[in-house]
Amino acid sequence: MPQSDDPRFRDTRRAPVRHAPVAPEGAIRLQKVLADAGIASRRDCELAIRAGRIRVNGRTVHELPCWVRPGKDLVEFDRQIVDTARRVRRTADDYLYFAANKPKGVISTARDPEGRAHVVGLVAGRLPREKRVYPVGRLDADSTGLVLLTDDGDLAYRLTHPRFGIAKQYRVTVQGALGAETLDTLRRGVFLADPRAIASTKSGQPGSQRGGWRRAAVDELRVLKTQKNRRTGDLSLLAMTLHEGQNREIRRLLARVGLKVLKLERVSIGPLKLGGLKPGASRALTTAEVLALRQAASGFGPHSDPRRDPQANRSGETSGRVRPRTGAGQGERGG
């Protein structure tokens, strides 16, 4: 039977695709519905939507927010019907949580069509049959350190969404010494080009800042060690904390003040620490670690940004609006 004639969806073929800023009654965000159906993580579902791989009621969706009614609207992924009504309610014990130490050269995706090593491969041997996990946030290929992998889409969303301001700490080795003026500039922040804001500007969509530029700033910055070497030049070891980040923000931010990054390692995500985990190794999180992450993701834990109040705009869950701090970038890709 052709998919368009599927009797389950005969009443939906002429239904419009909903892009209202606030959720219609009984509707849920498209990326959440896809994630709940087990298609991919919410972040990867957003990428699939923007790539034009998702259709709702026969129409390709490219823009978010998009709202659907599970079990009523026809949702297709790569032209295969997604059974959105078949969501199994899961308890906390049903989810999987892993920490991995990503080596250099490994990419932060669940799969790669080019056959490159990816972070899910670091925990493949630990996964039960027919179970999948996804990386929370991104580290670029040249960066190393802590990666959280889980199938808990709601926790992943809260840990990466700027509104919850979860702290991520990095150890960064740079070539050069940092004077007082450089430190002050990094703490005050500089404007970096934001490709997504630029794209929004070109397409006429609202939400860009200063024509496609966003202020990037370090929330906490300490110089841990400086090594002087006449032959190779000075080296500095920095501790940097971000509560949200743009694509390769740390590298681009340091480059703006003339510092070359030689090594970048993420050492913590909220309360979760890298510890002594060796490069390429992984482990399951303890119950205490999972509970600590959930507390931080609630917006009231000690590892969330104290300048944020997740209750201040509860409509953010439905409106898609973010309450940014000064100079905040979107997403979670600090490396």
C-alpha atoms as a PDB file:
ATOM      1  CA  MET A   1       0.000   0.000   0.000  1.00  0.00           C
ATOM      2  CA  PRO A   2       1.416   3.423  -0.888  1.00  0.00           C
ATOM      3  CA  GLN A   3       2.251   5.432   2.222  1.00  0.00           C
ATOM      4  CA  SER A   4       0.039   8.297   1.092  1.00  0.00           C
ATOM      5  CA  ASP A   5      -2.948   5.899   1.216  1.00  0.00           C
ATOM      6  CA  ASP A   6      -2.199   4.604   4.714  1.00  0.00           C
ATOM      7  CA  PRO A   7      -5.686   4.470   6.330  1.00  0.00           C
ATOM      8  CA  ARG A   8      -4.291   5.659   9.661  1.00  0.00           C
ATOM      9  CA  PHE A   9      -3.622   9.077   8.198  1.00  0.00           C
ATOM     10  CA  ARG A  10      -6.397   9.691   5.681  1.00  0.00           C
ATOM     11  CA  ASP A  11      -7.697  12.627   7.709  1.00  0.00           C
ATOM     12  CA  THR A  12      -4.306  14.348   7.911  1.00  0.00           C
ATOM     13  CA  ARG A  13      -3.224  14.621   4.284  1.00  0.00           C
ATOM     14  CA  ARG A  14      -4.640  18.104   3.891  1.00  0.00           C
ATOM     15  CA  ALA A  15      -3.815  19.290   7.398  1.00  0.00           C
ATOM     16  CA  PRO A  16      -1.437  22.282   7.493  1.00  0.00           C
ATOM     17  CA  VAL A  17       2.060  22.225   8.937  1.00  0.00           C
ATOM     18  CA  ARG A  18       2.019  24.275  12.148  1.00  0.00           C
ATOM     19  CA  HIS A  19       4.790  26.844  12.669  1.00  0.00           C
ATOM     20  CA  ALA A  20       3.089  28.982  15.331  1.00  0.00           C
ATOM     21  CA  PRO A  21       5.428  30.472  17.985  1.00  0.00           C
ATOM     22  CA  VAL A  22       3.245  28.948  20.723  1.00  0.00           C
ATOM     23  CA  ALA A  23       2.111  25.321  20.757  1.00  0.00           C
ATOM     24  CA  PRO A  24      -1.447  24.678  19.518  1.00  0.00           C
ATOM     25  CA  GLU A  25      -3.587  22.633  21.880  1.00  0.00           C
ATOM     26  CA  GLY A  26      -2.439  19.016  22.056  1.00  0.00           C
ATOM     27  CA  ALA A  27       0.656  19.602  19.897  1.00  0.00           C
ATOM     28  CA  ILE A  28       4.306  18.857  20.685  1.00  0.00           C
ATOM     29  CA  ARG A  29       7.533  20.016  19.081  1.00  0.00           C
ATOM     30  CA  LEU A  30       8.408  17.917  16.044  1.00  0.00           C
ATOM     31  CA  GLN A  31      11.977  17.172  17.148  1.00  0.00           C
ATOM     32  CA  LYS A  32      10.763  15.915  20.524  1.00  0.00           C
ATOM     33  CA  VAL A  33       8.184  13.638  18.899  1.00  0.00           C
ATOM     34  CA  LEU A  34      10.883  12.191  16.627  1.00  0.00           C
ATOM     35  CA  ALA A  35      13.266  11.672  19.534  1.00  0.00           C
ATOM     36  CA  ASP A  36      10.541  10.023  21.636  1.00  0.00           C
ATOM     37  CA  ALA A  37       9.882   7.675  18.720  1.00  0.00           C
ATOM     38  CA  GLY A  38      13.536   6.593  18.820  1.00  0.00           C
ATOM     39  CA  ILE A  39      14.647   8.193  15.542  1.00  0.00           C
ATOM     40  CA  ALA A  40      17.671  10.017  16.997  1.00  0.00           C
ATOM     41  CA  SER A  41      18.615  12.501  19.691  1.00  0.00           C
ATOM     42  CA  ARG A  42      16.629  15.726  19.742  1.00  0.00           C
ATOM     43  CA  ARG A  43      19.648  17.641  18.444  1.00  0.00           C
ATOM     44  CA  ASP A  44      20.155  15.249  15.520  1.00  0.00           C
ATOM     45  CA  CYS A  45      16.430  15.359  14.774  1.00  0.00           C
ATOM     46  CA  GLU A  46      16.672  19.142  14.473  1.00  0.00           C
ATOM     47  CA  LEU A  47      19.502  18.728  11.966  1.00  0.00           C
ATOM     48  CA  ALA A  48      17.435  16.192  10.008  1.00  0.00           C
ATOM     49  CA  ILE A  49      14.503  18.619   9.914  1.00  0.00           C
ATOM     50  CA  ARG A  50      16.639  21.478   8.620  1.00  0.00           C
ATOM     51  CA  ALA A  51      18.121  19.129   6.024  1.00  0.00           C
ATOM     52  CA  GLY A  52      14.631  18.490   4.641  1.00  0.00           C
ATOM     53  CA  ARG A  53      14.463  14.820   5.619  1.00  0.00           C
ATOM     54  CA  ILE A  54      11.196  15.144   7.581  1.00  0.00           C
ATOM     55  CA  ARG A  55       7.694  15.505   6.153  1.00  0.00           C
ATOM     56  CA  VAL A  56       4.543  16.323   8.117  1.00  0.00           C
ATOM     57  CA  ASN A  57       1.206  15.612   6.483  1.00  0.00           C
ATOM     58  CA  GLY A  58       2.962  15.224   3.148  1.00  0.00           C
ATOM     59  CA  ARG A  59       4.865  18.509   3.309  1.00  0.00           C
ATOM     60  CA  THR A  60       8.607  18.835   3.838  1.00  0.00           C
ATOM     61  CA  VAL A  61       9.516  20.787   6.968  1.00  0.00           C
ATOM     62  CA  HIS A  62      12.578  23.062   6.980  1.00  0.00           C
ATOM     63  CA  GLU A  63      11.805  25.533   9.757  1.00  0.00           C
ATOM     64  CA  LEU A  64      11.363  25.269  13.512  1.00  0.00           C
ATOM     65  CA  PRO A  65       9.360  25.409  15.658  1.00  0.00           C
ATOM     66  CA  CYS A  66       6.989  22.931  14.050  1.00  0.00           C
ATOM     67  CA  TRP A  67       4.183  21.380  16.078  1.00  0.00           C
ATOM     68  CA  VAL A  68       2.565  17.983  15.562  1.00  0.00           C
ATOM     69  CA  ARG A  69      -0.078  15.877  17.269  1.00  0.00           C
ATOM     70  CA  PRO A  70       1.357  12.427  18.035  1.00  0.00           C
ATOM     71  CA  GLY A  71      -0.767   9.664  16.563  1.00  0.00           C
ATOM     72  CA  LYS A  72      -2.820  12.096  14.479  1.00  0.00           C
ATOM     73  CA  ASP A  73      -0.414  13.896  12.145  1.00  0.00           C
ATOM     74  CA  LEU A  74       1.451  11.937   9.486  1.00  0.00           C
ATOM     75  CA  VAL A  75       5.187  12.218  10.182  1.00  0.00           C
ATOM     76  CA  GLU A  76       7.760  10.716   7.809  1.00  0.00           C
ATOM     77  CA  PHE A  77      11.523  10.358   8.133  1.00  0.00           C
ATOM     78  CA  ASP A  78      13.237   9.737   4.782  1.00  0.00           C
ATOM     79  CA  ARG A  79       9.736   8.950   3.451  1.00  0.00           C
ATOM     80  CA  GLN A  80       9.213   6.191   6.034  1.00  0.00           C
ATOM     81  CA  ILE A  81       6.244   6.653   8.363  1.00  0.00           C
ATOM     82  CA  VAL A  82       7.137   7.268  11.995  1.00  0.00           C
ATOM     83  CA  ASP A  83       4.713   5.693  14.440  1.00  0.00           C
ATOM     84  CA  THR A  84       4.509   8.654  16.803  1.00  0.00           C
ATOM     85  CA  ALA A  85       1.717   7.143  18.896  1.00  0.00           C
ATOM     86  CA  ARG A  86       3.800   4.169  19.934  1.00  0.00           C
ATOM     87  CA  ARG A  87       5.854   5.903  22.566  1.00  0.00           C
ATOM     88  CA  VAL A  88       6.654   3.664  25.516  1.00  0.00           C
ATOM     89  CA  ARG A  89       6.722   5.508  28.799  1.00  0.00           C
ATOM     90  CA  ARG A  90      10.125   4.930  30.355  1.00  0.00           C
ATOM     91  CA  THR A  91      11.253   5.172  33.944  1.00  0.00           C
ATOM     92  CA  ALA A  92      14.579   6.617  35.035  1.00  0.00           C
ATOM     93  CA  ASP A  93      16.094   3.145  35.293  1.00  0.00           C
ATOM     94  CA  ASP A  94      15.330   2.449  31.612  1.00  0.00           C
ATOM     95  CA  TYR A  95      17.841   5.022  30.340  1.00  0.00           C
ATOM     96  CA  LEU A  96      21.525   4.548  29.633  1.00  0.00           C
ATOM     97  CA  TYR A  97      24.234   7.008  30.679  1.00  0.00           C
ATOM     98  CA  PHE A  98      27.917   6.781  29.770  1.00  0.00           C
ATOM     99  CA  ALA A  99      30.957   8.999  30.130  1.00  0.00           C
ATOM    100  CA  ALA A 100      33.756   8.695  27.575  1.00  0.00           C
ATOM    101  CA  ASN A 101      37.129  10.356  27.101  1.00  0.00           C
ATOM    102  CA  LYS A 102      37.144  11.391  23.442  1.00  0.00           C
ATOM    103  CA  PRO A 103      40.584  11.142  21.818  1.00  0.00           C
ATOM    104  CA  LYS A 104      41.765  13.570  19.167  1.00  0.00           C
ATOM    105  CA  GLY A 105      40.441  12.732  15.694  1.00  0.00           C
ATOM    106  CA  VAL A 106      37.215  11.116  16.915  1.00  0.00           C
ATOM    107  CA  ILE A 107      34.086  13.019  15.847  1.00  0.00           C
ATOM    108  CA  SER A 108      31.127  13.792  18.112  1.00  0.00           C
ATOM    109  CA  THR A 109      28.352  12.065  16.179  1.00  0.00           C
ATOM    110  CA  ALA A 110      26.412   8.829  16.438  1.00  0.00           C
ATOM    111  CA  ARG A 111      27.468   7.732  12.946  1.00  0.00           C
ATOM    112  CA  ASP A 112      29.573   8.980  10.053  1.00  0.00           C
ATOM    113  CA  PRO A 113      28.947   8.240   6.353  1.00  0.00           C
ATOM    114  CA  GLU A 114      32.670   8.724   5.674  1.00  0.00           C
ATOM    115  CA  GLY A 115      33.566   5.905   8.025  1.00  0.00           C
ATOM    116  CA  ARG A 116      35.496   8.029  10.534  1.00  0.00           C
ATOM    117  CA  ALA A 117      35.708   7.002  14.183  1.00  0.00           C
ATOM    118  CA  HIS A 118      32.889   8.506  16.257  1.00  0.00           C
ATOM    119  CA  VAL A 119      32.161   8.787  19.972  1.00  0.00           C
ATOM    120  CA  VAL A 120      29.328   6.236  20.025  1.00  0.00           C
ATOM    121  CA  GLY A 121      31.922   3.674  18.969  1.00  0.00           C
ATOM    122  CA  LEU A 122      33.656   4.270  22.302  1.00  0.00           C
ATOM    123  CA  VAL A 123      30.686   2.728  24.154  1.00  0.00           C
ATOM    124  CA  ALA A 124      29.473   0.266  21.520  1.00  0.00           C
ATOM    125  CA  GLY A 125      30.645  -2.720  23.546  1.00  0.00           C
ATOM    126  CA  ARG A 126      28.616  -1.571  26.548  1.00  0.00           C
ATOM    127  CA  LEU A 127      25.274  -1.149  24.780  1.00  0.00           C
ATOM    128  CA  PRO A 128      22.542  -3.761  25.251  1.00  0.00           C
ATOM    129  CA  ARG A 129      21.199  -5.242  22.041  1.00  0.00           C
ATOM    130  CA  GLU A 130      18.987  -2.881  20.017  1.00  0.00           C
ATOM    131  CA  LYS A 131      19.812   0.050  22.314  1.00  0.00           C
ATOM    132  CA  ARG A 132      21.199   3.368  21.033  1.00  0.00           C
ATOM    133  CA  VAL A 133      22.769   6.372  22.725  1.00  0.00           C
ATOM    134  CA  TYR A 134      23.723   9.795  21.424  1.00  0.00           C
ATOM    135  CA  PRO A 135      26.385  12.331  22.405  1.00  0.00           C
ATOM    136  CA  VAL A 136      25.237  15.294  24.461  1.00  0.00           C
ATOM    137  CA  GLY A 137      26.684  18.401  22.839  1.00  0.00           C
ATOM    138  CA  ARG A 138      29.730  18.537  20.600  1.00  0.00           C
ATOM    139  CA  LEU A 139      33.516  18.562  20.769  1.00  0.00           C
ATOM    140  CA  ASP A 140      35.331  19.253  17.513  1.00  0.00           C
ATOM    141  CA  ALA A 141      37.616  16.554  16.104  1.00  0.00           C
ATOM    142  CA  ASP A 142      40.792  18.250  17.360  1.00  0.00           C
ATOM    143  CA  SER A 143      39.519  18.549  20.942  1.00  0.00           C
ATOM    144  CA  THR A 144      39.616  15.825  23.577  1.00  0.00           C
ATOM    145  CA  GLY A 145      37.981  15.031  26.872  1.00  0.00           C
ATOM    146  CA  LEU A 146      34.647  14.339  28.507  1.00  0.00           C
ATOM    147  CA  VAL A 147      31.642  13.349  26.410  1.00  0.00           C
ATOM    148  CA  LEU A 148      28.316  12.287  27.889  1.00  0.00           C
ATOM    149  CA  LEU A 149      26.297   9.733  25.901  1.00  0.00           C
ATOM    150  CA  THR A 150      22.714   8.832  26.718  1.00  0.00           C
ATOM    151  CA  ASP A 151      19.301   7.960  25.320  1.00  0.00           C
ATOM    152  CA  ASP A 152      17.612  10.300  27.811  1.00  0.00           C
ATOM    153  CA  GLY A 153      16.480  12.979  25.380  1.00  0.00           C
ATOM    154  CA  ASP A 154      14.969  15.290  27.991  1.00  0.00           C
ATOM    155  CA  LEU A 155      18.163  15.398  30.077  1.00  0.00           C
ATOM    156  CA  ALA A 156      20.293  15.876  26.948  1.00  0.00           C
ATOM    157  CA  TYR A 157      18.103  18.803  25.915  1.00  0.00           C
ATOM    158  CA  ARG A 158      18.400  20.490  29.289  1.00  0.00           C
ATOM    159  CA  LEU A 159      22.172  19.994  29.502  1.00  0.00           C
ATOM    160  CA  THR A 160      22.737  21.645  26.122  1.00  0.00           C
ATOM    161  CA  HIS A 161      20.015  24.299  25.917  1.00  0.00           C
ATOM    162  CA  PRO A 162      21.394  27.787  26.731  1.00  0.00           C
ATOM    163  CA  ARG A 163      18.410  28.573  28.961  1.00  0.00           C
ATOM    164  CA  PHE A 164      19.633  26.142  31.624  1.00  0.00           C
ATOM    165  CA  GLY A 165      23.225  27.463  31.602  1.00  0.00           C
ATOM    166  CA  ILE A 166      25.058  24.252  32.507  1.00  0.00           C
ATOM    167  CA  ALA A 167      28.756  24.925  33.137  1.00  0.00           C
ATOM    168  CA  LYS A 168      31.356  23.141  31.001  1.00  0.00           C
ATOM    169  CA  GLN A 169      34.987  23.406  32.063  1.00  0.00           C
ATOM    170  CA  TYR A 170      37.995  23.081  29.782  1.00  0.00           C
ATOM    171  CA  ARG A 171      41.772  22.841  30.181  1.00  0.00           C
ATOM    172  CA  VAL A 172      43.396  24.742  27.351  1.00  0.00           C
ATOM    173  CA  THR A 173      47.082  24.935  26.440  1.00  0.00           C
ATOM    174  CA  VAL A 174      47.965  27.967  24.338  1.00  0.00           C
ATOM    175  CA  GLN A 175      51.141  29.301  22.803  1.00  0.00           C
ATOM    176  CA  GLY A 176      51.852  32.663  24.374  1.00  0.00           C
ATOM    177  CA  ALA A 177      51.463  34.468  27.688  1.00  0.00           C
ATOM    178  CA  LEU A 178      48.332  36.265  28.845  1.00  0.00           C
ATOM    179  CA  GLY A 179      48.723  39.780  30.135  1.00  0.00           C
ATOM    180  CA  ALA A 180      46.177  41.712  32.164  1.00  0.00           C
ATOM    181  CA  GLU A 181      44.713  43.375  29.058  1.00  0.00           C
ATOM    182  CA  THR A 182      44.242  40.054  27.273  1.00  0.00           C
ATOM    183  CA  LEU A 183      42.567  38.507  30.304  1.00  0.00           C
ATOM    184  CA  ASP A 184      40.235  41.482  30.571  1.00  0.00           C
ATOM    185  CA  THR A 185      39.290  41.231  26.880  1.00  0.00           C
ATOM    186  CA  LEU A 186      38.473  37.535  27.189  1.00  0.00           C
ATOM    187  CA  ARG A 187      36.319  38.134  30.242  1.00  0.00           C
ATOM    188  CA  ARG A 188      34.474  41.046  28.641  1.00  0.00           C
ATOM    189  CA  GLY A 189      34.053  39.132  25.387  1.00  0.00           C
ATOM    190  CA  VAL A 190      34.341  39.863  21.686  1.00  0.00           C
ATOM    191  CA  PHE A 191      31.913  39.508  18.799  1.00  0.00           C
ATOM    192  CA  LEU A 192      32.248  36.348  16.701  1.00  0.00           C
ATOM    193  CA  ALA A 193      30.428  35.532  13.485  1.00  0.00           C
ATOM    194  CA  ASP A 194      27.465  33.219  14.058  1.00  0.00           C
ATOM    195  CA  PRO A 195      26.682  31.201  10.885  1.00  0.00           C
ATOM    196  CA  ARG A 196      23.127  30.493  12.036  1.00  0.00           C
ATOM    197  CA  ALA A 197      22.427  34.154  12.708  1.00  0.00           C
ATOM    198  CA  ILE A 198      23.936  35.056   9.328  1.00  0.00           C
ATOM    199  CA  ALA A 199      21.698  32.477   7.657  1.00  0.00           C
ATOM    200  CA  SER A 200      18.674  33.921   9.456  1.00  0.00           C
ATOM    201  CA  THR A 201      19.617  37.413   8.288  1.00  0.00           C
ATOM    202  CA  LYS A 202      19.934  36.298   4.669  1.00  0.00           C
ATOM    203  CA  SER A 203      16.614  34.465   4.772  1.00  0.00           C
ATOM    204  CA  GLY A 204      14.870  37.410   6.385  1.00  0.00           C
ATOM    205  CA  GLN A 205      14.104  35.518   9.594  1.00  0.00           C
ATOM    206  CA  PRO A 206      14.157  37.366  12.928  1.00  0.00           C
ATOM    207  CA  GLY A 207      16.479  36.572  15.801  1.00  0.00           C
ATOM    208  CA  SER A 208      19.917  37.544  14.484  1.00  0.00           C
ATOM    209  CA  GLN A 209      22.128  39.752  16.608  1.00  0.00           C
ATOM    210  CA  ARG A 210      24.090  42.580  15.034  1.00  0.00           C
ATOM    211  CA  GLY A 211      23.705  41.204  11.534  1.00  0.00           C
ATOM    212  CA  GLY A 212      24.985  37.704  12.246  1.00  0.00           C
ATOM    213  CA  TRP A 213      27.431  38.378  15.113  1.00  0.00           C
ATOM    214  CA  ARG A 214      27.197  37.234  18.705  1.00  0.00           C
ATOM    215  CA  ARG A 215      29.272  38.203  21.703  1.00  0.00           C
ATOM    216  CA  ALA A 216      31.431  35.374  23.030  1.00  0.00           C
ATOM    217  CA  ALA A 217      32.799  35.603  26.548  1.00  0.00           C
ATOM    218  CA  VAL A 218      34.376  33.317  29.113  1.00  0.00           C
ATOM    219  CA  ASP A 219      32.410  32.945  32.335  1.00  0.00           C
ATOM    220  CA  GLU A 220      35.477  31.931  34.349  1.00  0.00           C
ATOM    221  CA  LEU A 221      39.137  32.140  33.339  1.00  0.00           C
ATOM    222  CA  ARG A 222      42.241  31.247  35.321  1.00  0.00           C
ATOM    223  CA  VAL A 223      45.879  30.908  34.312  1.00  0.00           C
ATOM    224  CA  LEU A 224      46.984  27.660  35.953  1.00  0.00           C
ATOM    225  CA  LYS A 225      50.564  27.586  34.745  1.00  0.00           C
ATOM    226  CA  THR A 226      52.970  29.473  32.509  1.00  0.00           C
ATOM    227  CA  GLN A 227      56.088  27.897  31.040  1.00  0.00           C
ATOM    228  CA  LYS A 228      58.776  30.059  29.487  1.00  0.00           C
ATOM    229  CA  ASN A 229      60.820  28.598  26.654  1.00  0.00           C
ATOM    230  CA  ARG A 230      63.088  30.787  24.502  1.00  0.00           C
ATOM    231  CA  ARG A 231      63.168  28.249  21.686  1.00  0.00           C
ATOM    232  CA  THR A 232      59.482  27.362  21.325  1.00  0.00           C
ATOM    233  CA  GLY A 233      57.933  30.396  22.992  1.00  0.00           C
ATOM    234  CA  ASP A 234      55.837  30.740  26.136  1.00  0.00           C
ATOM    235  CA  LEU A 235      53.144  28.183  26.927  1.00  0.00           C
ATOM    236  CA  SER A 236      50.142  28.847  29.173  1.00  0.00           C
ATOM    237  CA  LEU A 237      47.705  26.377  30.710  1.00  0.00           C
ATOM    238  CA  LEU A 238      44.247  27.865  31.203  1.00  0.00           C
ATOM    239  CA  ALA A 239      41.090  26.781  33.005  1.00  0.00           C
ATOM    240  CA  MET A 240      38.071  28.118  31.106  1.00  0.00           C
ATOM    241  CA  THR A 241      34.391  27.744  31.968  1.00  0.00           C
ATOM    242  CA  LEU A 242      31.494  28.347  29.582  1.00  0.00           C
ATOM    243  CA  HIS A 243      27.799  28.055  30.307  1.00  0.00           C
ATOM    244  CA  GLU A 244      26.977  27.996  26.606  1.00  0.00           C
ATOM    245  CA  GLY A 245      29.060  28.138  23.486  1.00  0.00           C
ATOM    246  CA  GLN A 246      29.180  28.772  19.779  1.00  0.00           C
ATOM    247  CA  ASN A 247      30.850  26.495  17.257  1.00  0.00           C
ATOM    248  CA  ARG A 248      34.585  26.217  18.161  1.00  0.00           C
ATOM    249  CA  GLU A 249      34.094  29.232  20.399  1.00  0.00           C
ATOM    250  CA  ILE A 250      37.163  28.781  22.591  1.00  0.00           C
ATOM    251  CA  ARG A 251      39.541  28.426  19.647  1.00  0.00           C
ATOM    252  CA  ARG A 252      38.023  31.388  17.814  1.00  0.00           C
ATOM    253  CA  LEU A 253      37.914  33.548  20.939  1.00  0.00           C
ATOM    254  CA  LEU A 254      41.569  32.911  21.772  1.00  0.00           C
ATOM    255  CA  ALA A 255      42.590  33.466  18.165  1.00  0.00           C
ATOM    256  CA  ARG A 256      41.027  36.947  18.326  1.00  0.00           C
ATOM    257  CA  VAL A 257      43.521  37.895  21.050  1.00  0.00           C
ATOM    258  CA  GLY A 258      46.474  36.328  19.225  1.00  0.00           C
ATOM    259  CA  LEU A 259      46.699  33.016  21.088  1.00  0.00           C
ATOM    260  CA  LYS A 260      47.062  29.700  19.299  1.00  0.00           C
ATOM    261  CA  VAL A 261      45.386  26.692  20.922  1.00  0.00           C
ATOM    262  CA  LEU A 262      47.723  23.700  21.125  1.00  0.00           C
ATOM    263  CA  LYS A 263      45.494  21.451  23.210  1.00  0.00           C
ATOM    264  CA  LEU A 264      41.878  21.656  24.343  1.00  0.00           C
ATOM    265  CA  GLU A 265      40.346  19.178  26.763  1.00  0.00           C
ATOM    266  CA  ARG A 266      36.887  19.238  28.348  1.00  0.00           C
ATOM    267  CA  VAL A 267      37.148  18.139  31.958  1.00  0.00           C
ATOM    268  CA  SER A 268      33.595  18.552  33.252  1.00  0.00           C
ATOM    269  CA  ILE A 269      29.952  18.913  32.250  1.00  0.00           C
ATOM    270  CA  GLY A 270      28.122  20.365  35.227  1.00  0.00           C
ATOM    271  CA  PRO A 271      28.835  18.037  38.166  1.00  0.00           C
ATOM    272  CA  LEU A 272      30.146  15.226  35.923  1.00  0.00           C
ATOM    273  CA  LYS A 273      33.962  15.037  35.953  1.00  0.00           C
ATOM    274  CA  LEU A 274      36.390  13.419  33.530  1.00  0.00           C
ATOM    275  CA  GLY A 275      38.578  12.267  36.411  1.00  0.00           C
ATOM    276  CA  GLY A 276      41.126   9.598  35.601  1.00  0.00           C
ATOM    277  CA  LEU A 277      39.290   8.137  32.605  1.00  0.00           C
ATOM    278  CA  LYS A 278      41.915   7.308  29.978  1.00  0.00           C
ATOM    279  CA  PRO A 279      41.635   8.493  26.345  1.00  0.00           C
ATOM    280  CA  GLY A 280      39.328   6.181  24.395  1.00  0.00           C
ATOM    281  CA  ALA A 281      37.901   4.633  27.565  1.00  0.00           C
ATOM    282  CA  SER A 282      34.312   4.810  28.788  1.00  0.00           C
ATOM    283  CA  ARG A 283      32.267   3.925  31.854  1.00  0.00           C
ATOM    284  CA  ALA A 284      28.662   3.859  33.007  1.00  0.00           C
ATOM    285  CA  LEU A 285      27.546   6.704  35.245  1.00  0.00           C
ATOM    286  CA  THR A 286      26.680   5.981  38.855  1.00  0.00           C
ATOM    287  CA  THR A 287      23.205   6.634  40.212  1.00  0.00           C
ATOM    288  CA  ALA A 288      24.580   9.561  42.219  1.00  0.00           C
ATOM    289  CA  GLU A 289      26.105  11.117  39.072  1.00  0.00           C
ATOM    290  CA  VAL A 290      22.830  10.825  37.165  1.00  0.00           C
ATOM    291  CA  LEU A 291      20.897  12.423  40.031  1.00  0.00           C
ATOM    292  CA  ALA A 292      23.455  15.250  40.217  1.00  0.00           C
ATOM    293  CA  LEU A 293      23.116  15.898  36.472  1.00  0.00           C
ATOM    294  CA  ARG A 294      19.336  16.010  36.763  1.00  0.00           C
ATOM    295  CA  GLN A 295      19.555  18.476  39.630  1.00  0.00           C
ATOM    296  CA  ALA A 296      21.888  20.692  37.604  1.00  0.00           C
ATOM    297  CA  ALA A 297      19.601  20.409  34.574  1.00  0.00           C
ATOM    298  CA  SER A 298      16.649  21.563  36.680  1.00  0.00           C
ATOM    299  CA  GLY A 299      18.260  25.006  36.703  1.00  0.00           C
ATOM    300  CA  PHE A 300      18.646  25.147  40.463  1.00  0.00           C
ATOM    301  CA  GLY A 301      21.800  23.095  40.976  1.00  0.00           C
ATOM    302  CA  PRO A 302      25.206  24.559  41.911  1.00  0.00           C
ATOM    303  CA  HIS A 303      26.510  23.876  38.373  1.00  0.00           C
ATOM    304  CA  SER A 304      23.915  25.970  36.537  1.00  0.00           C
ATOM    305  CA  ASP A 305      24.433  29.631  35.721  1.00  0.00           C
ATOM    306  CA  PRO A 306      23.234  31.664  38.745  1.00  0.00           C
ATOM    307  CA  ARG A 307      22.329  34.554  36.407  1.00  0.00           C
ATOM    308  CA  ARG A 308      19.596  32.448  34.855  1.00  0.00           C
ATOM    309  CA  ASP A 309      16.155  31.652  36.175  1.00  0.00           C
ATOM    310  CA  PRO A 310      14.598  28.762  34.236  1.00  0.00           C
ATOM    311  CA  GLN A 311      11.246  29.591  35.814  1.00  0.00           C
ATOM    312  CA  ALA A 312      11.362  33.185  34.571  1.00  0.00           C
ATOM    313  CA  ASN A 313      10.077  32.190  31.130  1.00  0.00           C
ATOM    314  CA  ARG A 314       8.361  28.872  31.338  1.00  0.00           C
ATOM    315  CA  SER A 315       6.830  29.589  27.935  1.00  0.00           C
ATOM    316  CA  GLY A 316      10.328  29.053  26.550  1.00  0.00           C
ATOM    317  CA  GLU A 317       9.464  25.373  26.283  1.00  0.00           C
ATOM    318  CA  THR A 318       6.756  26.250  23.817  1.00  0.00           C
ATOM    319  CA  SER A 319       7.763  29.546  22.283  1.00  0.00           C
ATOM    320  CA  GLY A 320      11.322  28.678  21.373  1.00  0.00           C
ATOM    321  CA  ARG A 321      12.541  31.952  22.877  1.00  0.00           C
ATOM    322  CA  VAL A 322      15.736  31.967  24.880  1.00  0.00           C
ATOM    323  CA  ARG A 323      16.505  34.368  27.655  1.00  0.00           C
ATOM    324  CA  PRO A 324      20.158  35.099  26.801  1.00  0.00           C
ATOM    325  CA  ARG A 325      22.803  36.547  29.041  1.00  0.00           C
ATOM    326  CA  THR A 326      24.901  39.343  27.618  1.00  0.00           C
ATOM    327  CA  GLY A 327      26.954  37.970  24.780  1.00  0.00           C
ATOM    328  CA  ALA A 328      25.469  34.490  24.792  1.00  0.00           C
ATOM    329  CA  GLY A 329      25.849  32.181  21.849  1.00  0.00           C
ATOM    330  CA  GLN A 330      23.474  29.357  21.035  1.00  0.00           C
ATOM    331  CA  GLY A 331      24.162  25.665  21.208  1.00  0.00           C
ATOM    332  CA  GLU A 332      26.834  23.744  23.041  1.00  0.00           C
ATOM    333  CA  ARG A 333      30.038  23.432  21.068  1.00  0.00           C
ATOM    334  CA  GLY A 334      32.612  25.283  23.130  1.00  0.00           C
ATOM    335  CA  GLY A 335      35.608  23.398  21.725  1.00  0.00           C
END
